[in-house]
């Protein structure tokens, strides 16, 4: 897949362009239906399957105080889209200037002049143009005017409710990994750089990789989780992950993400680590002392190992 930063760096191609529009936060089951339809149509017509995404998310520019945490980084989103068959991904910087474009100006500037699209694919609730007043119905009218097809994908329901990024964030806020996974179609994922912290884990016999995740990325609720861990080398490892404020040692401490990788003891400071959350084991707890803490961590590791062994053969990302 070709990733292009800024639409001005895109060169028109001879093949017909089939383009997905949206932010695709989480690339969840609703997004997957849209992308699958797009890729199938492009392939059957010897065309190119492309996605056009504003980065950062428009709400982060227009109303940062109300911007939700995102389910994926731009890199993980690109990886997911590539696996689904997208040929070209265009990330274009969103600005206040762009936000002033009317719906028709947006269509003229980006879809007609720059991308010369054959067909566009959008979700049922897609909005575009100044103040988001453009609707899928209006986009169809512009398609008739400017000569491109518009394919509107209806909602996908899981558990008698529409799949949405907002709903997934709520599940993660509750620590409900299984429901989040049912909506995403894959295990929720966090990626970050391993940093040095207090070395308490090593001191008590359970060394941990402390993960620094970029600001604005959604994390599961405080608690202990079973998770698969992988370095950039792609090696699949098993881990028990603690997300919390270390209440046994601190009255007030920032939320940290600590992964004890089972049967692993290498120096990986500074490396990138990816965690795929499979199941929550328990809530965060405060212990009366080190001995009680060590006993519980040992039980957590056993529980995580059992959970992960039962799912390791089916784990993919």
Protein backbone atom coordinates (compact mmCIF):
# COMPACT_ATOMS: atom_id res chain seq x y z
CA UNK A 1 0.00 0.00 0.00
CA UNK A 2 1.20 3.47 -0.85
CA UNK A 3 0.81 6.04 1.93
CA UNK A 4 0.74 9.64 0.71
CA UNK A 5 1.03 12.58 3.06
CA UNK A 6 -0.94 15.52 1.63
CA UNK A 7 -3.17 15.31 -1.41
CA UNK A 8 -0.93 17.75 -3.31
CA UNK A 9 1.60 14.89 -3.48
CA UNK A 10 -0.91 12.60 -5.21
CA UNK A 11 -0.45 12.15 -8.94
CA UNK A 12 -3.54 11.19 -10.93
CA UNK A 13 -3.49 7.71 -12.39
CA UNK A 14 -5.07 6.15 -15.45
CA UNK A 15 -7.07 3.52 -13.56
CA UNK A 16 -10.49 4.44 -12.12
CA UNK A 17 -10.37 5.67 -8.51
CA UNK A 18 -12.67 4.14 -5.90
CA UNK A 19 -12.34 6.18 -2.72
CA UNK A 20 -13.45 5.69 0.89
CA UNK A 21 -14.15 8.89 2.82
CA UNK A 22 -14.20 9.15 6.61
CA UNK A 23 -11.88 9.05 9.60
CA UNK A 24 -12.21 5.29 10.25
CA UNK A 25 -11.24 5.57 13.92
CA UNK A 26 -10.78 1.99 15.08
CA UNK A 27 -11.37 0.49 11.62
CA UNK A 28 -14.25 -1.35 13.32
CA UNK A 29 -16.80 -3.76 11.83
CA UNK A 30 -18.84 -0.93 10.30
CA UNK A 31 -15.74 0.50 8.62
CA UNK A 32 -14.72 -2.98 7.54
CA UNK A 33 -17.98 -3.47 5.66
CA UNK A 34 -17.40 -0.21 3.80
CA UNK A 35 -13.77 -1.02 2.97
CA UNK A 36 -14.60 -4.56 1.87
CA UNK A 37 -17.27 -3.27 -0.51
CA UNK A 38 -14.86 -0.67 -1.86
CA UNK A 39 -12.02 -3.13 -2.43
CA UNK A 40 -14.31 -5.66 -4.11
CA UNK A 41 -15.71 -3.00 -6.47
CA UNK A 42 -12.26 -1.65 -7.33
CA UNK A 43 -10.85 -5.10 -8.07
CA UNK A 44 -13.81 -6.15 -10.20
CA UNK A 45 -13.41 -3.01 -12.32
CA UNK A 46 -9.60 -3.01 -12.57
CA UNK A 47 -9.53 0.12 -10.44
CA UNK A 48 -7.63 1.45 -7.44
CA UNK A 49 -8.98 1.19 -3.89
CA UNK A 50 -8.09 4.34 -1.97
CA UNK A 51 -8.92 5.98 1.35
CA UNK A 52 -8.83 9.72 1.93
CA UNK A 53 -8.53 10.70 5.60
CA UNK A 54 -8.04 14.03 7.32
CA UNK A 55 -5.28 13.93 9.92
CA UNK A 56 -5.53 15.03 12.65
CA UNK A 57 -9.19 14.30 13.26
CA UNK A 58 -11.17 17.49 12.45
CA UNK A 59 -12.60 17.76 15.97
CA UNK A 60 -9.05 17.96 17.36
CA UNK A 61 -8.62 21.20 15.42
CA UNK A 62 -12.12 22.68 15.66
CA UNK A 63 -13.01 21.78 19.25
CA UNK A 64 -10.01 20.20 21.00
CA UNK A 65 -11.67 20.41 24.41
CA UNK A 66 -14.33 17.96 23.27
CA UNK A 67 -12.08 15.71 21.19
CA UNK A 68 -12.33 12.07 22.31
CA UNK A 69 -9.31 9.84 22.62
CA UNK A 70 -8.75 7.88 19.42
CA UNK A 71 -8.84 4.10 19.14
CA UNK A 72 -5.81 3.86 16.84
CA UNK A 73 -2.72 5.80 15.95
CA UNK A 74 -2.41 6.84 12.31
CA UNK A 75 0.21 4.10 11.76
CA UNK A 76 -1.95 1.30 13.17
CA UNK A 77 -4.93 2.55 11.18
CA UNK A 78 -2.80 2.42 8.03
CA UNK A 79 -1.72 -1.13 8.86
CA UNK A 80 -5.32 -2.26 9.29
CA UNK A 81 -6.42 -0.63 6.04
CA UNK A 82 -3.54 -2.20 4.16
CA UNK A 83 -4.49 -5.66 5.42
CA UNK A 84 -7.99 -5.07 4.06
CA UNK A 85 -6.71 -4.36 0.57
CA UNK A 86 -6.47 -0.58 0.30
CA UNK A 87 -3.98 0.35 -2.45
CA UNK A 88 -3.49 4.04 -1.67
CA UNK A 89 -3.99 5.84 1.65
CA UNK A 90 -3.94 9.62 1.57
CA UNK A 91 -3.53 11.44 4.88
CA UNK A 92 -4.25 15.13 4.39
CA UNK A 93 -3.68 17.74 7.10
CA UNK A 94 -6.94 19.19 8.37
CA UNK A 95 -6.94 22.94 8.93
CA UNK A 96 -9.37 25.71 9.79
CA UNK A 97 -9.09 26.87 6.18
CA UNK A 98 -10.36 23.50 4.97
CA UNK A 99 -13.13 23.63 7.57
CA UNK A 100 -14.50 26.72 5.83
CA UNK A 101 -15.09 24.87 2.54
CA UNK A 102 -18.73 24.46 1.64
CA UNK A 103 -19.82 20.90 0.84
CA UNK A 104 -19.67 21.66 -2.89
CA UNK A 105 -16.26 23.31 -2.61
CA UNK A 106 -14.99 20.19 -0.81
CA UNK A 107 -16.32 17.96 -3.60
CA UNK A 108 -14.86 20.16 -6.33
CA UNK A 109 -11.45 20.64 -4.73
CA UNK A 110 -10.71 17.17 -3.38
CA UNK A 111 -12.92 14.63 -5.11
CA UNK A 112 -13.22 16.03 -8.64
CA UNK A 113 -10.06 18.05 -9.32
CA UNK A 114 -7.47 16.27 -7.18
CA UNK A 115 -8.70 12.65 -7.05
CA UNK A 116 -10.87 12.44 -10.20
CA UNK A 117 -12.93 9.75 -8.52
CA UNK A 118 -14.99 7.10 -10.25
CA UNK A 119 -16.98 6.15 -7.16
CA UNK A 120 -16.97 7.19 -3.52
CA UNK A 121 -17.91 5.05 -0.52
CA UNK A 122 -19.22 6.64 2.70
CA UNK A 123 -21.03 5.55 5.85
CA UNK A 124 -24.70 6.31 6.46
CA UNK A 125 -23.79 9.10 8.92
CA UNK A 126 -20.94 10.69 6.95
CA UNK A 127 -20.77 14.48 7.04
CA UNK A 128 -18.56 16.94 5.17
CA UNK A 129 -18.07 20.61 4.41
CA UNK A 130 -18.41 23.70 6.62
CA UNK A 131 -19.99 22.77 9.99
CA UNK A 132 -20.56 19.25 8.68
CA UNK A 133 -23.72 20.22 6.83
CA UNK A 134 -22.97 17.90 3.91
CA UNK A 135 -24.88 14.60 4.04
CA UNK A 136 -24.69 11.36 2.06
CA UNK A 137 -27.87 12.42 0.24
CA UNK A 138 -26.26 15.73 -0.77
CA UNK A 139 -23.12 13.87 -1.85
CA UNK A 140 -25.28 11.77 -4.19
CA UNK A 141 -26.64 14.95 -5.75
CA UNK A 142 -23.10 16.22 -6.31
CA UNK A 143 -22.20 12.84 -7.79
CA UNK A 144 -24.93 13.23 -10.39
CA UNK A 145 -23.74 16.77 -11.12
CA UNK A 146 -20.01 15.98 -11.40
CA UNK A 147 -20.15 12.47 -12.80
CA UNK A 148 -19.22 10.05 -10.04
CA UNK A 149 -21.09 7.30 -8.23
CA UNK A 150 -21.87 7.38 -4.50
CA UNK A 151 -22.17 4.20 -2.45
CA UNK A 152 -23.71 4.70 1.01
CA UNK A 153 -23.05 1.88 3.48
CA UNK A 154 -25.76 1.29 6.12
CA UNK A 155 -24.95 0.74 9.79
CA UNK A 156 -23.64 -2.60 11.02
CA UNK A 157 -25.27 -3.83 14.22
CA UNK A 158 -23.81 -5.98 16.97
CA UNK A 159 -25.97 -6.71 19.99
CA UNK A 160 -28.96 -4.89 18.47
CA UNK A 161 -27.11 -1.57 18.31
CA UNK A 162 -25.01 0.14 15.65
CA UNK A 163 -21.27 -0.35 15.82
CA UNK A 164 -19.52 2.98 16.42
CA UNK A 165 -16.22 4.32 17.67
CA UNK A 166 -18.08 6.02 20.54
CA UNK A 167 -19.60 2.73 21.64
CA UNK A 168 -16.19 1.02 21.55
CA UNK A 169 -14.64 3.78 23.66
CA UNK A 170 -17.40 3.25 26.22
CA UNK A 171 -16.64 -0.47 26.38
CA UNK A 172 -12.94 0.25 26.92
CA UNK A 173 -13.79 2.81 29.62
CA UNK A 174 -15.66 -0.01 31.36
CA UNK A 175 -12.82 -2.46 30.84
CA UNK A 176 -15.11 -4.70 28.79
CA UNK A 177 -12.54 -6.07 26.38
CA UNK A 178 -14.76 -8.84 25.03
CA UNK A 179 -17.50 -6.43 23.93
CA UNK A 180 -14.95 -4.01 22.49
CA UNK A 181 -13.43 -6.89 20.53
CA UNK A 182 -16.88 -7.93 19.24
CA UNK A 183 -17.34 -4.41 17.84
CA UNK A 184 -13.81 -4.00 16.48
CA UNK A 185 -13.42 -7.45 14.99
CA UNK A 186 -9.95 -7.73 16.57
CA UNK A 187 -8.37 -7.37 20.02
CA UNK A 188 -8.03 -3.72 21.19
CA UNK A 189 -4.47 -2.60 20.71
CA UNK A 190 -2.05 -0.13 22.29
CA UNK A 191 1.44 0.63 21.05
CA UNK A 192 4.16 2.68 22.62
CA UNK A 193 7.81 3.00 23.60
CA UNK A 194 9.23 1.09 26.57
CA UNK A 195 10.58 3.50 29.17
CA UNK A 196 12.38 3.16 32.49
CA UNK A 197 10.40 3.84 35.65
CA UNK A 198 10.76 2.68 39.26
CA UNK A 199 12.05 -0.88 38.64
CA UNK A 200 9.73 -2.18 41.37
CA UNK A 201 8.67 -5.12 39.21
CA UNK A 202 12.24 -6.35 38.83
CA UNK A 203 12.85 -5.95 42.56
CA UNK A 204 9.95 -8.27 43.44
CA UNK A 205 10.65 -10.84 40.72
CA UNK A 206 8.19 -9.67 38.06
CA UNK A 207 10.04 -7.35 35.65
CA UNK A 208 7.72 -5.13 33.63
CA UNK A 209 7.90 -3.17 30.40
CA UNK A 210 6.49 0.29 31.07
CA UNK A 211 4.73 1.57 27.99
CA UNK A 212 4.61 5.25 27.04
CA UNK A 213 1.63 5.72 24.72
CA UNK A 214 1.15 8.92 22.73
CA UNK A 215 -1.30 11.45 24.10
CA UNK A 216 -4.88 11.22 22.90
CA UNK A 217 -5.05 7.43 22.44
CA UNK A 218 -7.81 5.51 24.20
CA UNK A 219 -6.73 3.12 26.96
CA UNK A 220 -8.76 0.41 28.72
CA UNK A 221 -9.99 1.11 32.26
CA UNK A 222 -7.73 0.62 35.26
CA UNK A 223 -7.20 -3.04 36.03
CA UNK A 224 -5.22 -6.16 35.17
CA UNK A 225 -5.48 -7.75 31.73
CA UNK A 226 -4.33 -10.75 29.74
CA UNK A 227 -2.71 -9.53 26.53
CA UNK A 228 -0.54 -10.65 23.67
CA UNK A 229 2.61 -8.56 23.30
CA UNK A 230 4.76 -8.11 20.24
CA UNK A 231 7.91 -6.22 19.40
CA UNK A 232 8.47 -4.88 15.90
CA UNK A 233 10.21 -8.18 15.11
CA UNK A 234 6.72 -9.69 15.14
CA UNK A 235 7.40 -12.26 17.87
CA UNK A 236 4.16 -13.22 19.64
CA UNK A 237 4.54 -13.12 23.44
CA UNK A 238 2.15 -13.53 26.37
CA UNK A 239 1.76 -10.85 29.01
CA UNK A 240 -0.17 -9.77 32.06
CA UNK A 241 -0.76 -6.01 31.91
CA UNK A 242 -1.52 -3.62 34.75
CA UNK A 243 -3.11 -0.27 34.02
CA UNK A 244 -3.29 1.87 37.11
CA UNK A 245 -1.86 4.35 39.59
CA UNK A 246 0.15 1.96 41.79
CA UNK A 247 -2.02 2.52 44.90
CA UNK A 248 0.08 0.09 46.99
CA UNK A 249 3.08 2.44 46.71
CA UNK A 250 1.61 5.89 46.00
CA UNK A 251 -1.27 8.04 47.21
CA UNK A 252 -1.35 9.92 43.93
CA UNK A 253 0.42 8.69 40.79
CA UNK A 254 -0.21 9.12 37.05
CA UNK A 255 -1.86 6.17 35.30
CA UNK A 256 0.82 3.86 33.92
CA UNK A 257 0.77 0.80 31.66
CA UNK A 258 3.03 -2.03 32.83
CA UNK A 259 3.37 -5.30 30.97
CA UNK A 260 4.96 -8.33 32.60
CA UNK A 261 5.92 -10.49 29.62
CA UNK A 262 5.70 -14.13 30.65
CA UNK A 263 8.93 -16.18 30.40
CA UNK A 264 10.82 -13.25 28.87
CA UNK A 265 13.81 -11.44 30.29
CA UNK A 266 15.52 -9.21 27.75
CA UNK A 267 16.55 -5.57 27.89
CA UNK A 268 14.04 -3.85 25.61
CA UNK A 269 14.17 -0.26 26.88
CA UNK A 270 13.59 2.20 24.06
CA UNK A 271 11.95 -0.34 21.79
CA UNK A 272 8.39 -0.24 20.47
CA UNK A 273 5.94 -2.68 22.01
CA UNK A 274 2.40 -3.49 20.93
CA UNK A 275 -0.21 -4.90 23.33
CA UNK A 276 -3.33 -6.75 22.14
CA UNK A 277 -5.81 -6.90 25.02
CA UNK A 278 -7.71 -10.19 25.26
CA UNK A 279 -9.54 -10.19 28.58
CA UNK A 280 -9.76 -8.28 31.86
CA UNK A 281 -8.70 -10.38 34.86
CA UNK A 282 -9.56 -8.05 37.75
CA UNK A 283 -9.92 -4.46 38.92
CA UNK A 284 -7.04 -2.43 40.34
CA UNK A 285 -6.36 -3.23 44.00
CA UNK A 286 -4.41 -1.75 46.89
CA UNK A 287 -2.40 -4.27 48.90
CA UNK A 288 -1.26 -4.15 52.51
CA UNK A 289 2.29 -5.12 51.67
CA UNK A 290 4.79 -6.59 49.20
CA UNK A 291 4.08 -10.21 50.11
CA UNK A 292 0.37 -9.87 49.37
CA UNK A 293 1.14 -8.04 46.11
CA UNK A 294 3.60 -10.72 44.93
CA UNK A 295 1.06 -13.48 45.66
CA UNK A 296 -1.61 -11.69 43.63
CA UNK A 297 0.72 -10.97 40.69
CA UNK A 298 1.63 -14.65 40.59
CA UNK A 299 -2.06 -15.54 40.44
CA UNK A 300 -2.63 -12.92 37.74
CA UNK A 301 0.19 -14.35 35.65
CA UNK A 302 -1.26 -17.84 35.93
CA UNK A 303 -4.71 -16.57 34.95
CA UNK A 304 -3.33 -14.60 31.98
CA UNK A 305 -1.31 -17.57 30.76
CA UNK A 306 -4.39 -19.81 30.85
CA UNK A 307 -6.52 -17.26 28.97
CA UNK A 308 -3.89 -16.63 26.31
CA UNK A 309 -3.14 -20.32 25.76
CA UNK A 310 -6.80 -20.86 24.91
CA UNK A 311 -6.75 -18.12 22.26
CA UNK A 312 -3.20 -18.17 20.87
CA UNK A 313 -4.02 -20.30 17.84
CA UNK A 314 -6.79 -17.94 16.68
CA UNK A 315 -4.94 -14.69 17.39
CA UNK A 316 -4.36 -12.51 14.33
CA UNK A 317 -4.00 -8.79 13.71
